[in-house]
Amino acid sequence: MHFDFKEIFTAFMVLFAVIDIVGNIPIVIDLRKKAGHIQSEKASIIAGVILIVFLFLGNSILKLIGIDVNSFAVAGAFILFFIALEMILGITLYKQDENASLTSAVFPLAFPLIAGPGSLTTLLSLRAEFNIENIIVAVIMNVVIIYIVLKTSAKIERFLGVNGINIIRKVFGVILLAIAVKLFAHNIKALFDIA
């Protein structure tokens, strides 16, 4: 075991930027309104488990089912694209079922918003550079921050107000759309380069 504060901090900051839980607050608030309640603990734990499992098994799982990382990221870009459209246009594409609070803890909150293609592919690239124990600590630190943001989303909503949330939702919708387009363009180019 070789814990290195610099590696932990760097991996934490990279994952924090990619996961962007602060930027996803409008989506969290939207999901809470649709589902009535978000299970913060369950969503955080599921996201953390997905991230750590993917850290160890990501490449193997994708190779086993015949999917490369670029195809995986392109599929994730489509999901992010539709979530961004919901935010910008104020429409609902994703319909909730009877088990709404459980469903929203897993999809689209834990996956793909928190443990999405961006963060999963980032984990694969971090693994090539850093010791695995430092990446695990960075993931756990991110999961704690995710939990705090999910738990306090109601207070954040009260602080911002309806107009503030609407403005932030539209702004972050455009940012999320741009991330989806960038993710799609980068990975579709890589797919054509491979072919």
N, C-alpha and C. Protein backbone atom coordinates (compact mmCIF):
# COMPACT_ATOMS: atom_id res chain seq x y z
N MET A 1 0.84 -1.20 0.00
CA MET A 1 0.00 0.00 0.00
C MET A 1 0.88 1.25 0.00
N HIS A 2 0.67 2.07 -1.00
CA HIS A 2 1.48 3.29 -1.10
C HIS A 2 0.54 4.48 -1.28
N PHE A 3 0.18 5.13 -0.15
CA PHE A 3 -0.70 6.28 -0.22
C PHE A 3 0.12 7.54 -0.48
N ASP A 4 -0.29 8.28 -1.48
CA ASP A 4 0.40 9.50 -1.88
C ASP A 4 -0.63 10.62 -1.94
N PHE A 5 -0.48 11.63 -1.05
CA PHE A 5 -1.47 12.71 -0.95
C PHE A 5 -1.64 13.43 -2.29
N LYS A 6 -0.52 13.66 -2.98
CA LYS A 6 -0.59 14.38 -4.27
C LYS A 6 -1.43 13.60 -5.28
N GLU A 7 -1.19 12.27 -5.36
CA GLU A 7 -1.96 11.42 -6.29
C GLU A 7 -3.44 11.42 -5.91
N ILE A 8 -3.71 11.29 -4.59
CA ILE A 8 -5.10 11.28 -4.11
C ILE A 8 -5.79 12.58 -4.48
N PHE A 9 -5.12 13.71 -4.20
CA PHE A 9 -5.70 15.03 -4.48
C PHE A 9 -5.95 15.23 -5.97
N THR A 10 -4.97 14.84 -6.80
CA THR A 10 -5.11 15.00 -8.25
C THR A 10 -6.26 14.15 -8.78
N ALA A 11 -6.29 12.87 -8.36
CA ALA A 11 -7.37 11.97 -8.80
C ALA A 11 -8.73 12.48 -8.32
N PHE A 12 -8.77 13.00 -7.07
CA PHE A 12 -10.01 13.55 -6.51
C PHE A 12 -10.50 14.72 -7.35
N MET A 13 -9.60 15.66 -7.68
CA MET A 13 -9.98 16.86 -8.44
C MET A 13 -10.44 16.51 -9.85
N VAL A 14 -9.74 15.57 -10.48
CA VAL A 14 -10.13 15.15 -11.84
C VAL A 14 -11.53 14.54 -11.81
N LEU A 15 -11.77 13.61 -10.88
CA LEU A 15 -13.09 12.96 -10.77
C LEU A 15 -14.17 13.97 -10.40
N PHE A 16 -13.84 14.89 -9.48
CA PHE A 16 -14.81 15.90 -9.04
C PHE A 16 -15.26 16.76 -10.22
N ALA A 17 -14.30 17.13 -11.07
CA ALA A 17 -14.62 17.95 -12.25
C ALA A 17 -15.47 17.17 -13.25
N VAL A 18 -15.14 15.88 -13.43
CA VAL A 18 -15.88 15.07 -14.42
C VAL A 18 -17.28 14.74 -13.91
N ILE A 19 -17.38 14.33 -12.63
CA ILE A 19 -18.70 13.98 -12.06
C ILE A 19 -19.57 15.24 -11.99
N ASP A 20 -18.98 16.37 -11.59
CA ASP A 20 -19.66 17.68 -11.55
C ASP A 20 -20.99 17.63 -10.81
N ILE A 21 -20.96 17.14 -9.56
CA ILE A 21 -22.19 17.02 -8.78
C ILE A 21 -22.80 18.40 -8.48
N VAL A 22 -21.95 19.41 -8.32
CA VAL A 22 -22.46 20.77 -8.08
C VAL A 22 -23.23 21.26 -9.30
N GLY A 23 -22.69 21.00 -10.48
CA GLY A 23 -23.36 21.38 -11.72
C GLY A 23 -24.64 20.60 -11.97
N ASN A 24 -24.73 19.41 -11.34
CA ASN A 24 -25.91 18.56 -11.51
C ASN A 24 -27.02 18.83 -10.51
N ILE A 25 -26.84 19.84 -9.64
CA ILE A 25 -27.86 20.16 -8.64
C ILE A 25 -29.24 20.39 -9.27
N PRO A 26 -29.35 21.14 -10.40
CA PRO A 26 -30.68 21.31 -11.00
C PRO A 26 -31.33 19.97 -11.41
N ILE A 27 -30.51 19.02 -11.89
CA ILE A 27 -31.05 17.70 -12.27
C ILE A 27 -31.52 16.97 -11.03
N VAL A 28 -30.74 17.06 -9.94
CA VAL A 28 -31.10 16.41 -8.68
C VAL A 28 -32.43 16.96 -8.17
N ILE A 29 -32.59 18.29 -8.23
CA ILE A 29 -33.83 18.93 -7.79
C ILE A 29 -35.00 18.48 -8.65
N ASP A 30 -34.78 18.41 -9.97
CA ASP A 30 -35.80 17.91 -10.90
C ASP A 30 -36.23 16.49 -10.55
N LEU A 31 -35.25 15.63 -10.33
CA LEU A 31 -35.54 14.23 -10.00
C LEU A 31 -36.32 14.13 -8.69
N ARG A 32 -35.93 14.96 -7.71
CA ARG A 32 -36.63 14.93 -6.42
C ARG A 32 -38.09 15.35 -6.59
N LYS A 33 -38.32 16.33 -7.47
CA LYS A 33 -39.71 16.77 -7.73
C LYS A 33 -40.52 15.67 -8.41
N LYS A 34 -39.90 14.97 -9.38
CA LYS A 34 -40.59 13.90 -10.10
C LYS A 34 -40.85 12.70 -9.20
N ALA A 35 -39.83 12.32 -8.41
CA ALA A 35 -39.91 11.09 -7.61
C ALA A 35 -40.50 11.35 -6.22
N GLY A 36 -40.48 12.60 -5.78
CA GLY A 36 -40.97 12.92 -4.45
C GLY A 36 -39.88 12.82 -3.39
N HIS A 37 -38.94 11.91 -3.58
CA HIS A 37 -37.86 11.70 -2.61
C HIS A 37 -36.70 11.00 -3.30
N ILE A 38 -35.50 11.43 -2.95
CA ILE A 38 -34.31 10.77 -3.49
C ILE A 38 -33.58 10.12 -2.32
N GLN A 39 -33.25 8.85 -2.48
CA GLN A 39 -32.53 8.14 -1.43
C GLN A 39 -31.04 8.46 -1.58
N SER A 40 -30.61 9.52 -0.87
CA SER A 40 -29.24 10.03 -1.01
C SER A 40 -28.19 8.97 -0.69
N GLU A 41 -28.44 8.23 0.43
CA GLU A 41 -27.47 7.20 0.84
C GLU A 41 -27.35 6.14 -0.24
N LYS A 42 -28.50 5.64 -0.70
CA LYS A 42 -28.50 4.57 -1.70
C LYS A 42 -27.85 5.03 -3.01
N ALA A 43 -28.20 6.23 -3.47
CA ALA A 43 -27.62 6.76 -4.71
C ALA A 43 -26.11 6.91 -4.60
N SER A 44 -25.64 7.44 -3.46
CA SER A 44 -24.19 7.63 -3.25
C SER A 44 -23.46 6.30 -3.19
N ILE A 45 -24.01 5.35 -2.43
CA ILE A 45 -23.36 4.04 -2.28
C ILE A 45 -23.33 3.29 -3.61
N ILE A 46 -24.46 3.30 -4.34
CA ILE A 46 -24.52 2.61 -5.64
C ILE A 46 -23.50 3.23 -6.60
N ALA A 47 -23.44 4.56 -6.64
CA ALA A 47 -22.48 5.24 -7.52
C ALA A 47 -21.05 4.87 -7.13
N GLY A 48 -20.75 4.87 -5.83
CA GLY A 48 -19.41 4.51 -5.35
C GLY A 48 -19.04 3.08 -5.72
N VAL A 49 -20.00 2.16 -5.55
CA VAL A 49 -19.76 0.74 -5.88
C VAL A 49 -19.51 0.59 -7.38
N ILE A 50 -20.33 1.26 -8.21
CA ILE A 50 -20.15 1.19 -9.67
C ILE A 50 -18.75 1.69 -10.05
N LEU A 51 -18.34 2.83 -9.46
CA LEU A 51 -17.03 3.41 -9.78
C LEU A 51 -15.89 2.48 -9.39
N ILE A 52 -15.96 1.91 -8.17
CA ILE A 52 -14.86 1.05 -7.70
C ILE A 52 -14.83 -0.27 -8.47
N VAL A 53 -16.00 -0.86 -8.73
CA VAL A 53 -16.05 -2.11 -9.50
C VAL A 53 -15.49 -1.87 -10.90
N PHE A 54 -15.90 -0.73 -11.50
CA PHE A 54 -15.42 -0.43 -12.86
C PHE A 54 -13.91 -0.16 -12.88
N LEU A 55 -13.39 0.40 -11.79
CA LEU A 55 -11.95 0.64 -11.68
C LEU A 55 -11.18 -0.67 -11.82
N PHE A 56 -11.71 -1.74 -11.20
CA PHE A 56 -11.04 -3.03 -11.24
C PHE A 56 -11.37 -3.84 -12.50
N LEU A 57 -12.65 -3.76 -12.92
CA LEU A 57 -13.11 -4.67 -13.97
C LEU A 57 -13.50 -4.00 -15.29
N GLY A 58 -13.38 -2.67 -15.36
CA GLY A 58 -13.85 -1.91 -16.52
C GLY A 58 -13.40 -2.42 -17.86
N ASN A 59 -12.09 -2.46 -18.05
CA ASN A 59 -11.55 -2.91 -19.34
C ASN A 59 -11.97 -4.34 -19.66
N SER A 60 -11.92 -5.21 -18.64
CA SER A 60 -12.28 -6.63 -18.84
C SER A 60 -13.75 -6.78 -19.23
N ILE A 61 -14.63 -6.04 -18.53
CA ILE A 61 -16.08 -6.14 -18.82
C ILE A 61 -16.36 -5.69 -20.26
N LEU A 62 -15.78 -4.54 -20.63
CA LEU A 62 -16.02 -4.02 -21.98
C LEU A 62 -15.47 -4.96 -23.05
N LYS A 63 -14.27 -5.51 -22.80
CA LYS A 63 -13.69 -6.46 -23.77
C LYS A 63 -14.52 -7.72 -23.86
N LEU A 64 -15.02 -8.20 -22.71
CA LEU A 64 -15.81 -9.43 -22.64
C LEU A 64 -17.07 -9.33 -23.50
N ILE A 65 -17.73 -8.17 -23.46
CA ILE A 65 -18.96 -8.02 -24.25
C ILE A 65 -18.69 -7.39 -25.62
N GLY A 66 -17.41 -7.22 -25.94
CA GLY A 66 -17.04 -6.75 -27.27
C GLY A 66 -17.27 -5.27 -27.51
N ILE A 67 -17.19 -4.48 -26.43
CA ILE A 67 -17.39 -3.04 -26.58
C ILE A 67 -16.10 -2.34 -26.18
N ASP A 68 -15.68 -1.37 -26.99
CA ASP A 68 -14.50 -0.60 -26.60
C ASP A 68 -14.96 0.63 -25.82
N VAL A 69 -14.01 1.27 -25.15
CA VAL A 69 -14.31 2.43 -24.29
C VAL A 69 -14.96 3.55 -25.10
N ASN A 70 -14.54 3.73 -26.35
CA ASN A 70 -15.09 4.81 -27.17
C ASN A 70 -16.57 4.60 -27.48
N SER A 71 -16.95 3.36 -27.80
CA SER A 71 -18.38 3.06 -28.04
C SER A 71 -19.20 3.29 -26.78
N PHE A 72 -18.64 2.91 -25.64
CA PHE A 72 -19.28 3.10 -24.34
C PHE A 72 -19.53 4.58 -24.08
N ALA A 73 -18.53 5.40 -24.37
CA ALA A 73 -18.64 6.84 -24.16
C ALA A 73 -19.65 7.49 -25.12
N VAL A 74 -19.72 7.00 -26.37
CA VAL A 74 -20.69 7.52 -27.34
C VAL A 74 -22.12 7.25 -26.85
N ALA A 75 -22.36 6.04 -26.35
CA ALA A 75 -23.69 5.70 -25.81
C ALA A 75 -24.04 6.61 -24.63
N GLY A 76 -23.07 6.85 -23.76
CA GLY A 76 -23.29 7.74 -22.62
C GLY A 76 -23.56 9.17 -23.06
N ALA A 77 -22.91 9.59 -24.15
CA ALA A 77 -23.12 10.95 -24.67
C ALA A 77 -24.58 11.14 -25.09
N PHE A 78 -25.20 10.11 -25.67
CA PHE A 78 -26.61 10.19 -26.06
C PHE A 78 -27.51 10.41 -24.84
N ILE A 79 -27.23 9.67 -23.75
CA ILE A 79 -28.03 9.81 -22.53
C ILE A 79 -27.89 11.22 -21.97
N LEU A 80 -26.65 11.72 -21.89
CA LEU A 80 -26.43 13.08 -21.39
C LEU A 80 -27.11 14.11 -22.29
N PHE A 81 -27.11 13.86 -23.60
CA PHE A 81 -27.74 14.76 -24.57
C PHE A 81 -29.24 14.90 -24.28
N PHE A 82 -29.92 13.77 -24.04
CA PHE A 82 -31.36 13.83 -23.78
C PHE A 82 -31.68 14.45 -22.43
N ILE A 83 -30.84 14.21 -21.42
CA ILE A 83 -31.03 14.85 -20.11
C ILE A 83 -30.88 16.36 -20.26
N ALA A 84 -29.89 16.79 -21.05
CA ALA A 84 -29.68 18.23 -21.30
C ALA A 84 -30.88 18.85 -22.01
N LEU A 85 -31.45 18.12 -22.98
CA LEU A 85 -32.65 18.63 -23.68
C LEU A 85 -33.81 18.84 -22.71
N GLU A 86 -33.97 17.88 -21.77
CA GLU A 86 -35.02 18.03 -20.75
C GLU A 86 -34.83 19.32 -19.96
N MET A 87 -33.58 19.58 -19.57
CA MET A 87 -33.28 20.77 -18.76
C MET A 87 -33.51 22.07 -19.54
N ILE A 88 -33.07 22.10 -20.79
CA ILE A 88 -33.15 23.33 -21.58
C ILE A 88 -34.58 23.62 -22.03
N LEU A 89 -35.28 22.60 -22.52
CA LEU A 89 -36.62 22.80 -23.11
C LEU A 89 -37.76 22.64 -22.10
N GLY A 90 -37.44 22.17 -20.89
CA GLY A 90 -38.48 21.98 -19.88
C GLY A 90 -39.46 20.88 -20.23
N ILE A 91 -38.97 19.84 -20.92
CA ILE A 91 -39.82 18.71 -21.30
C ILE A 91 -39.41 17.47 -20.50
N THR A 92 -40.26 16.45 -20.51
CA THR A 92 -39.95 15.20 -19.82
C THR A 92 -39.87 14.07 -20.82
N LEU A 93 -38.68 13.53 -21.00
CA LEU A 93 -38.49 12.39 -21.89
C LEU A 93 -38.47 11.09 -21.10
N TYR A 94 -37.92 11.17 -19.88
CA TYR A 94 -37.80 9.99 -19.03
C TYR A 94 -39.01 9.90 -18.12
N LYS A 95 -39.79 8.85 -18.26
CA LYS A 95 -41.01 8.66 -17.46
C LYS A 95 -40.71 7.81 -16.23
N GLN A 96 -41.25 8.24 -15.07
CA GLN A 96 -41.06 7.48 -13.82
C GLN A 96 -42.07 6.34 -13.74
N ASP A 97 -41.70 5.25 -13.09
CA ASP A 97 -42.66 4.18 -12.83
C ASP A 97 -43.07 4.18 -11.37
N GLU A 98 -43.77 3.12 -10.93
CA GLU A 98 -44.29 3.06 -9.55
C GLU A 98 -43.15 3.09 -8.53
N ASN A 99 -42.02 2.47 -8.84
CA ASN A 99 -40.90 2.44 -7.90
C ASN A 99 -39.98 3.63 -8.13
N ALA A 100 -40.60 4.82 -8.24
CA ALA A 100 -39.86 6.00 -8.68
C ALA A 100 -38.66 6.35 -7.80
N SER A 101 -38.82 6.30 -6.46
CA SER A 101 -37.72 6.73 -5.60
C SER A 101 -36.54 5.77 -5.71
N LEU A 102 -36.81 4.47 -5.86
CA LEU A 102 -35.73 3.50 -6.03
C LEU A 102 -35.08 3.68 -7.40
N THR A 103 -35.92 3.85 -8.42
CA THR A 103 -35.41 4.02 -9.79
C THR A 103 -34.54 5.25 -9.90
N SER A 104 -34.99 6.37 -9.32
CA SER A 104 -34.21 7.61 -9.46
C SER A 104 -32.91 7.56 -8.67
N ALA A 105 -32.83 6.65 -7.69
CA ALA A 105 -31.56 6.48 -6.98
C ALA A 105 -30.54 5.81 -7.90
N VAL A 106 -31.04 4.96 -8.80
CA VAL A 106 -30.13 4.21 -9.68
C VAL A 106 -30.01 4.89 -11.04
N PHE A 107 -31.13 5.16 -11.69
CA PHE A 107 -31.11 5.77 -13.02
C PHE A 107 -32.05 6.96 -13.02
N PRO A 108 -31.66 8.13 -13.48
CA PRO A 108 -30.35 8.46 -14.05
C PRO A 108 -29.37 9.06 -13.06
N LEU A 109 -29.64 8.94 -11.72
CA LEU A 109 -28.78 9.62 -10.76
C LEU A 109 -27.44 8.92 -10.54
N ALA A 110 -27.47 7.69 -9.99
CA ALA A 110 -26.20 6.98 -9.76
C ALA A 110 -25.51 6.68 -11.09
N PHE A 111 -26.32 6.25 -12.07
CA PHE A 111 -25.80 6.03 -13.42
C PHE A 111 -26.81 6.59 -14.40
N PRO A 112 -26.45 7.48 -15.33
CA PRO A 112 -25.10 7.88 -15.73
C PRO A 112 -24.62 9.22 -15.18
N LEU A 113 -25.42 9.92 -14.34
CA LEU A 113 -25.00 11.27 -13.93
C LEU A 113 -23.75 11.25 -13.05
N ILE A 114 -23.72 10.37 -12.05
CA ILE A 114 -22.56 10.32 -11.15
C ILE A 114 -21.52 9.37 -11.72
N ALA A 115 -21.89 8.10 -11.84
CA ALA A 115 -20.96 7.10 -12.40
C ALA A 115 -21.29 6.94 -13.88
N GLY A 116 -21.02 7.96 -14.65
CA GLY A 116 -21.33 7.95 -16.08
C GLY A 116 -20.13 7.60 -16.92
N PRO A 117 -20.30 7.64 -18.23
CA PRO A 117 -19.20 7.29 -19.13
C PRO A 117 -17.98 8.18 -18.95
N GLY A 118 -18.21 9.45 -18.63
CA GLY A 118 -17.08 10.36 -18.41
C GLY A 118 -16.24 9.93 -17.22
N SER A 119 -16.92 9.68 -16.07
CA SER A 119 -16.18 9.29 -14.87
C SER A 119 -15.60 7.89 -14.99
N LEU A 120 -16.31 6.98 -15.67
CA LEU A 120 -15.81 5.60 -15.82
C LEU A 120 -14.59 5.56 -16.74
N THR A 121 -14.64 6.29 -17.84
CA THR A 121 -13.48 6.32 -18.73
C THR A 121 -12.31 7.07 -18.07
N THR A 122 -12.63 8.09 -17.25
CA THR A 122 -11.60 8.80 -16.49
C THR A 122 -10.89 7.85 -15.54
N LEU A 123 -11.66 6.97 -14.88
CA LEU A 123 -11.07 5.99 -13.97
C LEU A 123 -10.07 5.09 -14.70
N LEU A 124 -10.43 4.68 -15.91
CA LEU A 124 -9.53 3.81 -16.68
C LEU A 124 -8.22 4.53 -17.00
N SER A 125 -8.32 5.83 -17.32
CA SER A 125 -7.08 6.57 -17.63
C SER A 125 -6.28 6.88 -16.36
N LEU A 126 -6.96 7.13 -15.22
CA LEU A 126 -6.26 7.37 -13.95
C LEU A 126 -5.50 6.12 -13.51
N ARG A 127 -6.11 4.96 -13.77
CA ARG A 127 -5.48 3.70 -13.35
C ARG A 127 -4.14 3.49 -14.05
N ALA A 128 -4.01 4.01 -15.25
CA ALA A 128 -2.75 3.88 -15.99
C ALA A 128 -1.64 4.74 -15.37
N GLU A 129 -2.05 5.80 -14.63
CA GLU A 129 -1.05 6.74 -14.09
C GLU A 129 -0.80 6.60 -12.59
N PHE A 130 -1.86 6.29 -11.82
CA PHE A 130 -1.77 6.33 -10.36
C PHE A 130 -1.92 4.96 -9.72
N ASN A 131 -1.46 4.86 -8.45
CA ASN A 131 -1.68 3.63 -7.67
C ASN A 131 -3.16 3.46 -7.38
N ILE A 132 -3.62 2.23 -7.41
CA ILE A 132 -5.05 1.95 -7.29
C ILE A 132 -5.63 2.38 -5.95
N GLU A 133 -4.83 2.25 -4.86
CA GLU A 133 -5.35 2.63 -3.53
C GLU A 133 -5.61 4.13 -3.44
N ASN A 134 -4.79 4.94 -4.14
CA ASN A 134 -4.99 6.39 -4.15
C ASN A 134 -6.26 6.76 -4.91
N ILE A 135 -6.53 6.04 -5.99
CA ILE A 135 -7.76 6.29 -6.77
C ILE A 135 -8.99 5.92 -5.94
N ILE A 136 -8.90 4.81 -5.19
CA ILE A 136 -10.04 4.37 -4.35
C ILE A 136 -10.35 5.44 -3.30
N VAL A 137 -9.31 5.99 -2.65
CA VAL A 137 -9.51 7.06 -1.66
C VAL A 137 -10.17 8.26 -2.32
N ALA A 138 -9.73 8.62 -3.53
CA ALA A 138 -10.30 9.76 -4.27
C ALA A 138 -11.77 9.51 -4.60
N VAL A 139 -12.11 8.27 -4.97
CA VAL A 139 -13.51 7.91 -5.26
C VAL A 139 -14.35 8.06 -4.00
N ILE A 140 -13.85 7.54 -2.86
CA ILE A 140 -14.60 7.61 -1.59
C ILE A 140 -14.83 9.08 -1.18
N MET A 141 -13.80 9.92 -1.34
CA MET A 141 -13.95 11.35 -1.02
C MET A 141 -15.03 11.99 -1.89
N ASN A 142 -15.07 11.64 -3.17
CA ASN A 142 -16.10 12.17 -4.08
C ASN A 142 -17.48 11.69 -3.67
N VAL A 143 -17.59 10.42 -3.26
CA VAL A 143 -18.89 9.86 -2.86
C VAL A 143 -19.42 10.60 -1.62
N VAL A 144 -18.53 10.96 -0.68
CA VAL A 144 -18.95 11.71 0.51
C VAL A 144 -19.50 13.08 0.10
N ILE A 145 -18.82 13.77 -0.82
CA ILE A 145 -19.29 15.08 -1.28
C ILE A 145 -20.62 14.94 -2.03
N ILE A 146 -20.74 13.89 -2.85
CA ILE A 146 -21.99 13.62 -3.57
C ILE A 146 -23.14 13.45 -2.58
N TYR A 147 -22.90 12.67 -1.52
CA TYR A 147 -23.92 12.44 -0.48
C TYR A 147 -24.35 13.76 0.15
N ILE A 148 -23.37 14.62 0.51
CA ILE A 148 -23.68 15.90 1.15
C ILE A 148 -24.54 16.77 0.22
N VAL A 149 -24.17 16.84 -1.06
CA VAL A 149 -24.92 17.65 -2.03
C VAL A 149 -26.34 17.10 -2.21
N LEU A 150 -26.47 15.77 -2.33
CA LEU A 150 -27.81 15.16 -2.49
C LEU A 150 -28.67 15.41 -1.27
N LYS A 151 -28.07 15.30 -0.08
CA LYS A 151 -28.81 15.45 1.18
C LYS A 151 -29.26 16.90 1.38
N THR A 152 -28.47 17.86 0.91
CA THR A 152 -28.80 19.28 1.14
C THR A 152 -29.44 19.95 -0.08
N SER A 153 -29.84 19.15 -1.08
CA SER A 153 -30.40 19.75 -2.31
C SER A 153 -31.66 20.57 -2.03
N ALA A 154 -32.46 20.17 -1.01
CA ALA A 154 -33.67 20.93 -0.67
C ALA A 154 -33.30 22.31 -0.12
N LYS A 155 -32.26 22.36 0.73
CA LYS A 155 -31.81 23.65 1.28
C LYS A 155 -31.23 24.53 0.18
N ILE A 156 -30.48 23.90 -0.73
CA ILE A 156 -29.90 24.64 -1.86
C ILE A 156 -31.02 25.23 -2.71
N GLU A 157 -32.09 24.42 -2.91
CA GLU A 157 -33.24 24.88 -3.70
C GLU A 157 -33.91 26.08 -3.03
N ARG A 158 -34.10 26.01 -1.70
CA ARG A 158 -34.72 27.13 -0.98
C ARG A 158 -33.87 28.39 -1.09
N PHE A 159 -32.56 28.21 -1.00
CA PHE A 159 -31.63 29.35 -1.07
C PHE A 159 -31.69 30.03 -2.44
N LEU A 160 -31.74 29.22 -3.50
CA LEU A 160 -31.72 29.76 -4.87
C LEU A 160 -33.07 30.31 -5.31
N GLY A 161 -34.17 29.70 -4.84
CA GLY A 161 -35.50 30.11 -5.26
C GLY A 161 -35.85 29.54 -6.63
N VAL A 162 -37.12 29.67 -7.01
CA VAL A 162 -37.62 29.10 -8.26
C VAL A 162 -36.91 29.70 -9.48
N ASN A 163 -36.80 31.04 -9.52
CA ASN A 163 -36.16 31.69 -10.67
C ASN A 163 -34.69 31.34 -10.76
N GLY A 164 -34.02 31.31 -9.62
CA GLY A 164 -32.59 30.96 -9.59
C GLY A 164 -32.37 29.55 -10.13
N ILE A 165 -33.23 28.63 -9.71
CA ILE A 165 -33.10 27.23 -10.16
C ILE A 165 -33.38 27.13 -11.66
N ASN A 166 -34.40 27.84 -12.15
CA ASN A 166 -34.71 27.81 -13.58
C ASN A 166 -33.55 28.33 -14.42
N ILE A 167 -32.93 29.42 -13.95
CA ILE A 167 -31.78 29.99 -14.68
C ILE A 167 -30.63 29.00 -14.67
N ILE A 168 -30.32 28.45 -13.47
CA ILE A 168 -29.20 27.49 -13.35
C ILE A 168 -29.48 26.25 -14.19
N ARG A 169 -30.75 25.78 -14.19
CA ARG A 169 -31.12 24.58 -14.96
C ARG A 169 -30.83 24.79 -16.44
N LYS A 170 -31.24 25.96 -16.96
CA LYS A 170 -31.01 26.24 -18.39
C LYS A 170 -29.51 26.35 -18.70
N VAL A 171 -28.78 27.08 -17.83
CA VAL A 171 -27.34 27.27 -18.04
C VAL A 171 -26.62 25.92 -18.01
N PHE A 172 -26.90 25.12 -16.96
CA PHE A 172 -26.23 23.83 -16.85
C PHE A 172 -26.73 22.84 -17.90
N GLY A 173 -27.95 23.04 -18.38
CA GLY A 173 -28.45 22.23 -19.49
C GLY A 173 -27.61 22.43 -20.74
N VAL A 174 -27.29 23.71 -21.01
CA VAL A 174 -26.44 24.03 -22.17
C VAL A 174 -25.04 23.47 -21.97
N ILE A 175 -24.50 23.60 -20.73
CA ILE A 175 -23.16 23.06 -20.43
C ILE A 175 -23.16 21.54 -20.60
N LEU A 176 -24.20 20.88 -20.07
CA LEU A 176 -24.30 19.42 -20.19
C LEU A 176 -24.42 19.00 -21.66
N LEU A 177 -25.17 19.79 -22.43
CA LEU A 177 -25.30 19.53 -23.86
C LEU A 177 -23.93 19.64 -24.55
N ALA A 178 -23.17 20.66 -24.17
CA ALA A 178 -21.83 20.85 -24.74
C ALA A 178 -20.91 19.69 -24.37
N ILE A 179 -21.01 19.22 -23.11
CA ILE A 179 -20.20 18.07 -22.67
C ILE A 179 -20.59 16.83 -23.47
N ALA A 180 -21.89 16.63 -23.68
CA ALA A 180 -22.38 15.48 -24.45
C ALA A 180 -21.85 15.53 -25.88
N VAL A 181 -21.91 16.71 -26.49
CA VAL A 181 -21.42 16.87 -27.87
C VAL A 181 -19.92 16.62 -27.94
N LYS A 182 -19.17 17.16 -26.96
CA LYS A 182 -17.71 16.97 -26.92
C LYS A 182 -17.37 15.49 -26.73
N LEU A 183 -18.07 14.85 -25.80
CA LEU A 183 -17.86 13.42 -25.53
C LEU A 183 -18.15 12.60 -26.79
N PHE A 184 -19.25 12.94 -27.47
CA PHE A 184 -19.63 12.24 -28.69
C PHE A 184 -18.58 12.46 -29.79
N ALA A 185 -18.22 13.74 -30.02
CA ALA A 185 -17.29 14.07 -31.11
C ALA A 185 -15.92 13.43 -30.89
N HIS A 186 -15.41 13.52 -29.67
CA HIS A 186 -14.08 12.97 -29.36
C HIS A 186 -14.06 11.46 -29.58
N ASN A 187 -15.10 10.78 -29.09
CA ASN A 187 -15.11 9.32 -29.14
C ASN A 187 -15.52 8.77 -30.51
N ILE A 188 -16.37 9.49 -31.24
CA ILE A 188 -16.74 9.02 -32.58
C ILE A 188 -15.53 9.16 -33.50
N LYS A 189 -14.74 10.22 -33.29
CA LYS A 189 -13.50 10.42 -34.05
C LYS A 189 -12.52 9.28 -33.76
N ALA A 190 -12.41 8.93 -32.46
CA ALA A 190 -11.51 7.84 -32.06
C ALA A 190 -11.97 6.51 -32.68
N LEU A 191 -13.29 6.31 -32.76
CA LEU A 191 -13.84 5.08 -33.36
C LEU A 191 -13.47 5.00 -34.85
N PHE A 192 -13.58 6.14 -35.56
CA PHE A 192 -13.25 6.15 -36.99
C PHE A 192 -11.75 5.99 -37.21
N ASP A 193 -10.94 6.53 -36.27
CA ASP A 193 -9.50 6.38 -36.36
C ASP A 193 -9.09 4.91 -36.20
N ILE A 194 -9.81 4.22 -35.29
CA ILE A 194 -9.54 2.78 -35.07
C ILE A 194 -9.91 1.99 -36.32
N ALA A 195 -11.10 2.32 -36.88
CA ALA A 195 -11.57 1.62 -38.07
C ALA A 195 -10.68 1.95 -39.26
